[in-house]
């Protein structure tokens, strides 16, 4: 009886602490969203008050007048394209490493994983000259290729671990049904590693979406700016217009929130897979 009561109290305290932490973490985001619907006179009178009415003029100003739509579309294109490319290459590589017993493939896998130990910022100078010689500087494809290459080591490491957990009997059964290696990969293994794919996508999408360093180095054309670089210019022009600033920050946050809401279940499954074994 005492053990049950102790467990209940501990669970109650843990839940209370987590709810408190969630409220503290969400409060700044909620304040940002609420202030994006307010006018400057309202915020001057009551900085922490509620909006008197839903005013969308700040969003219109940020999206059209401040050219926020250009930064947003560029970030969407770069992030989605680099994540898809990185995940596709990593899936094929991880499947080959997990299902092929060969010293050559083991050496290639070690080469892939060595990318996790290299500080990527040390390669900025040769990378810049390489992309400049290819005519890709100030081109969004330079960012896509760089981000995709940087994401392959981590994605391959995660996906190969999931593929190795799948029983070899699946391959044998598919082979008896006449399926080749690629068909087995596409129809049998790929659906089973969806939690890992979701985890990899989220872990690549977020840092690429928020990255400031590479767009600052590789992009010179203002029309090719992504959100992190564009927001610095945005802040410089609208530093006294708080409603427009909050509207722009809210727009920049929406894709991350939507991604986490859609992929939460798969992320949890991917992070906890194998814990009960």
Protein backbone atom coordinates (compact mmCIF):
# COMPACT_ATOMS: atom_id res chain seq x y z
CA UNK A 1 0.00 0.00 0.00
CA UNK A 2 2.78 2.37 0.88
CA UNK A 3 4.60 1.56 -2.36
CA UNK A 4 1.52 2.36 -4.43
CA UNK A 5 1.03 5.71 -2.65
CA UNK A 6 4.70 6.63 -3.11
CA UNK A 7 4.48 5.82 -6.80
CA UNK A 8 1.32 7.93 -7.20
CA UNK A 9 2.87 10.91 -5.45
CA UNK A 10 6.03 10.59 -7.53
CA UNK A 11 4.03 10.36 -10.72
CA UNK A 12 1.93 13.37 -9.74
CA UNK A 13 5.01 15.47 -9.00
CA UNK A 14 6.68 14.39 -12.23
CA UNK A 15 3.57 15.23 -14.26
CA UNK A 16 3.24 18.58 -12.50
CA UNK A 17 6.87 19.44 -13.19
CA UNK A 18 6.53 18.50 -16.88
CA UNK A 19 3.35 20.56 -17.26
CA UNK A 20 5.05 23.52 -15.59
CA UNK A 21 8.05 23.17 -17.90
CA UNK A 22 5.73 22.95 -20.93
CA UNK A 23 3.92 26.14 -19.90
CA UNK A 24 7.20 27.99 -19.39
CA UNK A 25 8.44 26.82 -22.80
CA UNK A 26 5.20 27.65 -24.60
CA UNK A 27 4.66 31.06 -22.96
CA UNK A 28 7.15 32.99 -25.19
CA UNK A 29 5.68 31.40 -28.32
CA UNK A 30 2.16 32.23 -27.21
CA UNK A 31 3.19 35.81 -26.44
CA UNK A 32 4.79 36.09 -29.89
CA UNK A 33 1.63 34.87 -31.65
CA UNK A 34 -0.70 37.10 -29.63
CA UNK A 35 1.42 40.21 -30.20
CA UNK A 36 1.50 39.53 -33.93
CA UNK A 37 -2.25 40.30 -34.01
CA UNK A 38 -1.91 43.55 -32.06
CA UNK A 39 -1.16 47.10 -33.15
CA UNK A 40 1.72 49.24 -31.95
CA UNK A 41 -0.50 51.49 -29.77
CA UNK A 42 -1.93 48.39 -28.06
CA UNK A 43 1.53 47.04 -27.27
CA UNK A 44 2.69 50.45 -26.03
CA UNK A 45 -0.23 50.61 -23.59
CA UNK A 46 -0.11 46.97 -22.45
CA UNK A 47 2.92 44.93 -23.59
CA UNK A 48 1.57 41.68 -22.13
CA UNK A 49 -2.11 42.23 -22.89
CA UNK A 50 -4.44 40.39 -25.23
CA UNK A 51 -5.29 41.65 -28.73
CA UNK A 52 -8.49 43.69 -28.87
CA UNK A 53 -9.21 42.23 -32.32
CA UNK A 54 -7.48 39.95 -34.80
CA UNK A 55 -5.41 42.35 -36.89
CA UNK A 56 -3.80 40.62 -39.89
CA UNK A 57 -2.20 43.75 -41.32
CA UNK A 58 1.14 42.86 -39.73
CA UNK A 59 1.17 39.51 -41.55
CA UNK A 60 0.36 41.19 -44.84
CA UNK A 61 3.11 43.73 -44.27
CA UNK A 62 5.67 41.08 -43.36
CA UNK A 63 4.69 38.74 -46.20
CA UNK A 64 4.45 41.24 -49.06
CA UNK A 65 6.05 44.57 -48.15
CA UNK A 66 9.03 43.10 -46.30
CA UNK A 67 9.57 40.44 -49.02
CA UNK A 68 9.17 37.70 -46.42
CA UNK A 69 7.51 35.46 -48.96
CA UNK A 70 10.77 35.22 -50.93
CA UNK A 71 12.76 34.12 -47.89
CA UNK A 72 10.05 31.67 -46.87
CA UNK A 73 9.80 30.01 -50.29
CA UNK A 74 13.60 29.79 -50.57
CA UNK A 75 13.84 28.12 -47.15
CA UNK A 76 11.06 25.66 -47.97
CA UNK A 77 12.71 24.71 -51.25
CA UNK A 78 16.19 24.31 -49.79
CA UNK A 79 15.08 22.45 -46.68
CA UNK A 80 12.67 20.04 -48.37
CA UNK A 81 14.97 19.31 -51.33
CA UNK A 82 18.08 18.73 -49.20
CA UNK A 83 16.17 16.57 -46.70
CA UNK A 84 14.66 14.40 -49.44
CA UNK A 85 17.99 14.02 -51.22
CA UNK A 86 19.88 13.23 -48.03
CA UNK A 87 17.26 10.74 -46.83
CA UNK A 88 17.03 8.97 -50.21
CA UNK A 89 20.80 8.50 -50.48
CA UNK A 90 21.06 7.45 -46.83
CA UNK A 91 18.27 4.87 -47.19
CA UNK A 92 19.98 3.15 -50.10
CA UNK A 93 23.40 3.27 -48.43
CA UNK A 94 22.09 2.07 -45.06
CA UNK A 95 20.21 -0.83 -46.66
CA UNK A 96 23.33 -1.94 -48.54
CA UNK A 97 25.50 -1.70 -45.42
CA UNK A 98 23.00 -3.58 -43.26
CA UNK A 99 22.25 -6.39 -45.68
CA UNK A 100 25.68 -6.97 -47.25
CA UNK A 101 28.41 -8.84 -45.39
CA UNK A 102 31.61 -7.67 -47.02
CA UNK A 103 34.88 -6.11 -45.88
CA UNK A 104 34.64 -3.62 -48.74
CA UNK A 105 31.19 -2.45 -47.64
CA UNK A 106 32.44 -2.31 -44.05
CA UNK A 107 35.25 0.01 -45.10
CA UNK A 108 32.84 2.18 -47.10
CA UNK A 109 30.48 2.38 -44.12
CA UNK A 110 33.37 3.44 -41.88
CA UNK A 111 34.17 6.18 -44.40
CA UNK A 112 30.56 7.34 -44.33
CA UNK A 113 30.46 7.41 -40.54
CA UNK A 114 33.78 9.24 -40.30
CA UNK A 115 31.83 12.29 -41.47
CA UNK A 116 30.27 12.40 -37.99
CA UNK A 117 33.67 13.13 -36.44
CA UNK A 118 34.82 15.89 -38.81
CA UNK A 119 34.12 19.54 -37.91
CA UNK A 120 32.20 20.65 -40.99
CA UNK A 121 33.08 24.33 -40.58
CA UNK A 122 36.76 23.56 -41.24
CA UNK A 123 35.85 22.70 -44.84
CA UNK A 124 34.13 26.01 -45.58
CA UNK A 125 37.00 27.57 -47.54
CA UNK A 126 37.68 24.66 -49.96
CA UNK A 127 33.94 24.09 -50.22
CA UNK A 128 33.38 27.72 -51.21
CA UNK A 129 36.09 27.61 -53.90
CA UNK A 130 34.73 24.30 -55.21
CA UNK A 131 31.20 25.66 -55.53
CA UNK A 132 32.49 28.90 -57.05
CA UNK A 133 34.40 26.95 -59.70
CA UNK A 134 31.16 25.11 -60.51
CA UNK A 135 29.24 28.38 -60.75
CA UNK A 136 26.94 27.48 -57.84
CA UNK A 137 27.69 30.36 -55.46
CA UNK A 138 24.53 32.45 -54.86
CA UNK A 139 22.54 29.51 -56.17
CA UNK A 140 20.10 27.65 -53.95
CA UNK A 141 21.41 24.35 -55.27
CA UNK A 142 24.72 25.03 -53.54
CA UNK A 143 22.90 24.98 -50.20
CA UNK A 144 20.89 21.90 -51.16
CA UNK A 145 23.99 19.90 -52.09
CA UNK A 146 25.92 21.01 -49.00
CA UNK A 147 23.09 20.24 -46.58
CA UNK A 148 22.37 16.89 -48.23
CA UNK A 149 26.03 15.86 -48.00
CA UNK A 150 26.27 16.96 -44.37
CA UNK A 151 23.19 14.95 -43.42
CA UNK A 152 24.21 11.64 -45.01
CA UNK A 153 26.57 10.34 -42.24
CA UNK A 154 24.07 10.78 -39.40
CA UNK A 155 21.10 9.54 -41.45
CA UNK A 156 23.01 6.48 -42.64
CA UNK A 157 24.09 5.66 -39.08
CA UNK A 158 20.50 5.80 -37.78
CA UNK A 159 18.87 3.96 -40.68
CA UNK A 160 21.49 1.20 -40.82
CA UNK A 161 20.77 0.40 -37.17
CA UNK A 162 17.08 0.00 -37.94
CA UNK A 163 17.68 -2.15 -41.01
CA UNK A 164 19.93 -4.46 -38.97
CA UNK A 165 17.09 -5.08 -36.51
CA UNK A 166 14.88 -6.53 -39.25
CA UNK A 167 15.07 -10.35 -39.38
CA UNK A 168 16.91 -11.90 -42.31
CA UNK A 169 13.92 -14.22 -42.81
CA UNK A 170 12.08 -11.32 -44.46
CA UNK A 171 14.67 -11.26 -47.23
CA UNK A 172 14.47 -15.02 -47.68
CA UNK A 173 10.68 -14.98 -47.88
CA UNK A 174 10.72 -12.14 -50.40
CA UNK A 175 13.35 -13.97 -52.47
CA UNK A 176 11.14 -17.09 -52.55
CA UNK A 177 8.29 -14.95 -53.86
CA UNK A 178 10.49 -13.77 -56.72
CA UNK A 179 11.38 -10.31 -55.41
CA UNK A 180 14.81 -8.90 -56.15
CA UNK A 181 16.91 -6.82 -53.75
CA UNK A 182 15.43 -3.48 -54.81
CA UNK A 183 11.84 -4.74 -54.72
CA UNK A 184 12.47 -6.27 -51.29
CA UNK A 185 13.84 -2.97 -50.09
CA UNK A 186 10.94 -0.96 -51.53
CA UNK A 187 7.99 -3.18 -50.58
CA UNK A 188 9.17 -5.05 -47.48
CA UNK A 189 11.82 -3.10 -45.58
CA UNK A 190 10.89 0.50 -46.32
CA UNK A 191 7.43 0.37 -44.67
CA UNK A 192 8.97 -1.21 -41.55
CA UNK A 193 11.48 1.60 -40.99
CA UNK A 194 9.01 4.50 -41.24
CA UNK A 195 9.68 5.58 -37.63
CA UNK A 196 13.39 5.83 -38.43
CA UNK A 197 12.67 7.77 -41.62
CA UNK A 198 10.48 10.22 -39.70
CA UNK A 199 13.18 10.65 -37.07
CA UNK A 200 15.85 11.30 -39.69
CA UNK A 201 13.64 13.78 -41.56
CA UNK A 202 12.94 15.81 -38.43
CA UNK A 203 16.55 15.75 -37.28
CA UNK A 204 17.62 17.06 -40.67
CA UNK A 205 14.75 19.47 -41.34
CA UNK A 206 15.14 21.52 -38.15
CA UNK A 207 18.89 22.37 -38.36
CA UNK A 208 18.68 23.11 -42.09
CA UNK A 209 15.66 25.37 -41.58
CA UNK A 210 17.45 27.27 -38.80
CA UNK A 211 20.94 27.35 -40.30
CA UNK A 212 22.45 30.81 -40.70
CA UNK A 213 26.09 30.02 -41.44
CA UNK A 214 26.06 28.48 -44.92
CA UNK A 215 23.49 30.87 -46.48
CA UNK A 216 25.55 33.77 -45.16
CA UNK A 217 28.73 32.37 -46.77
CA UNK A 218 27.37 30.94 -50.02
CA UNK A 219 24.53 33.32 -50.91
CA UNK A 220 25.23 36.84 -52.17
CA UNK A 221 22.00 37.57 -54.01
CA UNK A 222 19.29 39.01 -51.76
CA UNK A 223 16.59 37.24 -53.77
CA UNK A 224 18.17 33.89 -52.82
CA UNK A 225 18.28 34.55 -49.07
CA UNK A 226 16.78 31.93 -46.78
CA UNK A 227 14.83 32.83 -43.65
CA UNK A 228 17.70 32.99 -41.11
CA UNK A 229 19.66 35.48 -43.25
CA UNK A 230 16.55 37.28 -44.44
CA UNK A 231 15.35 37.75 -40.86
CA UNK A 232 18.51 39.68 -39.97
CA UNK A 233 17.71 42.16 -42.77
CA UNK A 234 14.07 42.05 -41.71
CA UNK A 235 15.01 43.01 -38.14
CA UNK A 236 17.15 45.88 -39.40
CA UNK A 237 14.28 47.41 -41.37
CA UNK A 238 11.45 46.81 -38.90
CA UNK A 239 13.21 47.00 -35.54
CA UNK A 240 10.68 49.56 -34.27
CA UNK A 241 7.63 47.81 -35.73
CA UNK A 242 7.15 45.06 -33.16
CA UNK A 243 3.87 43.74 -34.56
CA UNK A 244 5.45 43.09 -37.96
CA UNK A 245 8.48 41.47 -36.32
CA UNK A 246 6.29 39.12 -34.32
CA UNK A 247 4.27 38.28 -37.44
CA UNK A 248 7.45 37.41 -39.35
CA UNK A 249 8.75 35.24 -36.51
CA UNK A 250 5.41 33.45 -36.29
CA UNK A 251 5.50 32.68 -40.01
CA UNK A 252 9.04 31.32 -39.62
CA UNK A 253 7.93 29.04 -36.77
CA UNK A 254 4.81 27.57 -38.38
CA UNK A 255 6.57 24.89 -40.55
CA UNK A 256 8.47 23.51 -37.54
CA UNK A 257 5.32 23.29 -35.43
CA UNK A 258 3.40 21.57 -38.23
CA UNK A 259 6.26 19.11 -38.79
CA UNK A 260 6.41 18.11 -35.14
CA UNK A 261 2.63 17.74 -34.90
CA UNK A 262 2.55 15.47 -37.95
CA UNK A 263 5.58 13.39 -37.04
CA UNK A 264 5.37 13.17 -33.24
CA UNK A 265 4.05 9.60 -33.16
CA UNK A 266 6.65 8.35 -35.64
CA UNK A 267 9.45 10.21 -33.82
CA UNK A 268 8.57 8.60 -30.49
CA UNK A 269 8.36 5.18 -32.15
CA UNK A 270 11.73 5.74 -33.78
CA UNK A 271 13.47 6.90 -30.61
CA UNK A 272 12.05 4.10 -28.44
CA UNK A 273 12.34 1.24 -30.95
CA UNK A 274 14.32 -1.65 -29.56
CA UNK A 275 14.21 -0.46 -25.93
CA UNK A 276 12.07 -3.42 -24.89
CA UNK A 277 14.38 -5.98 -26.51
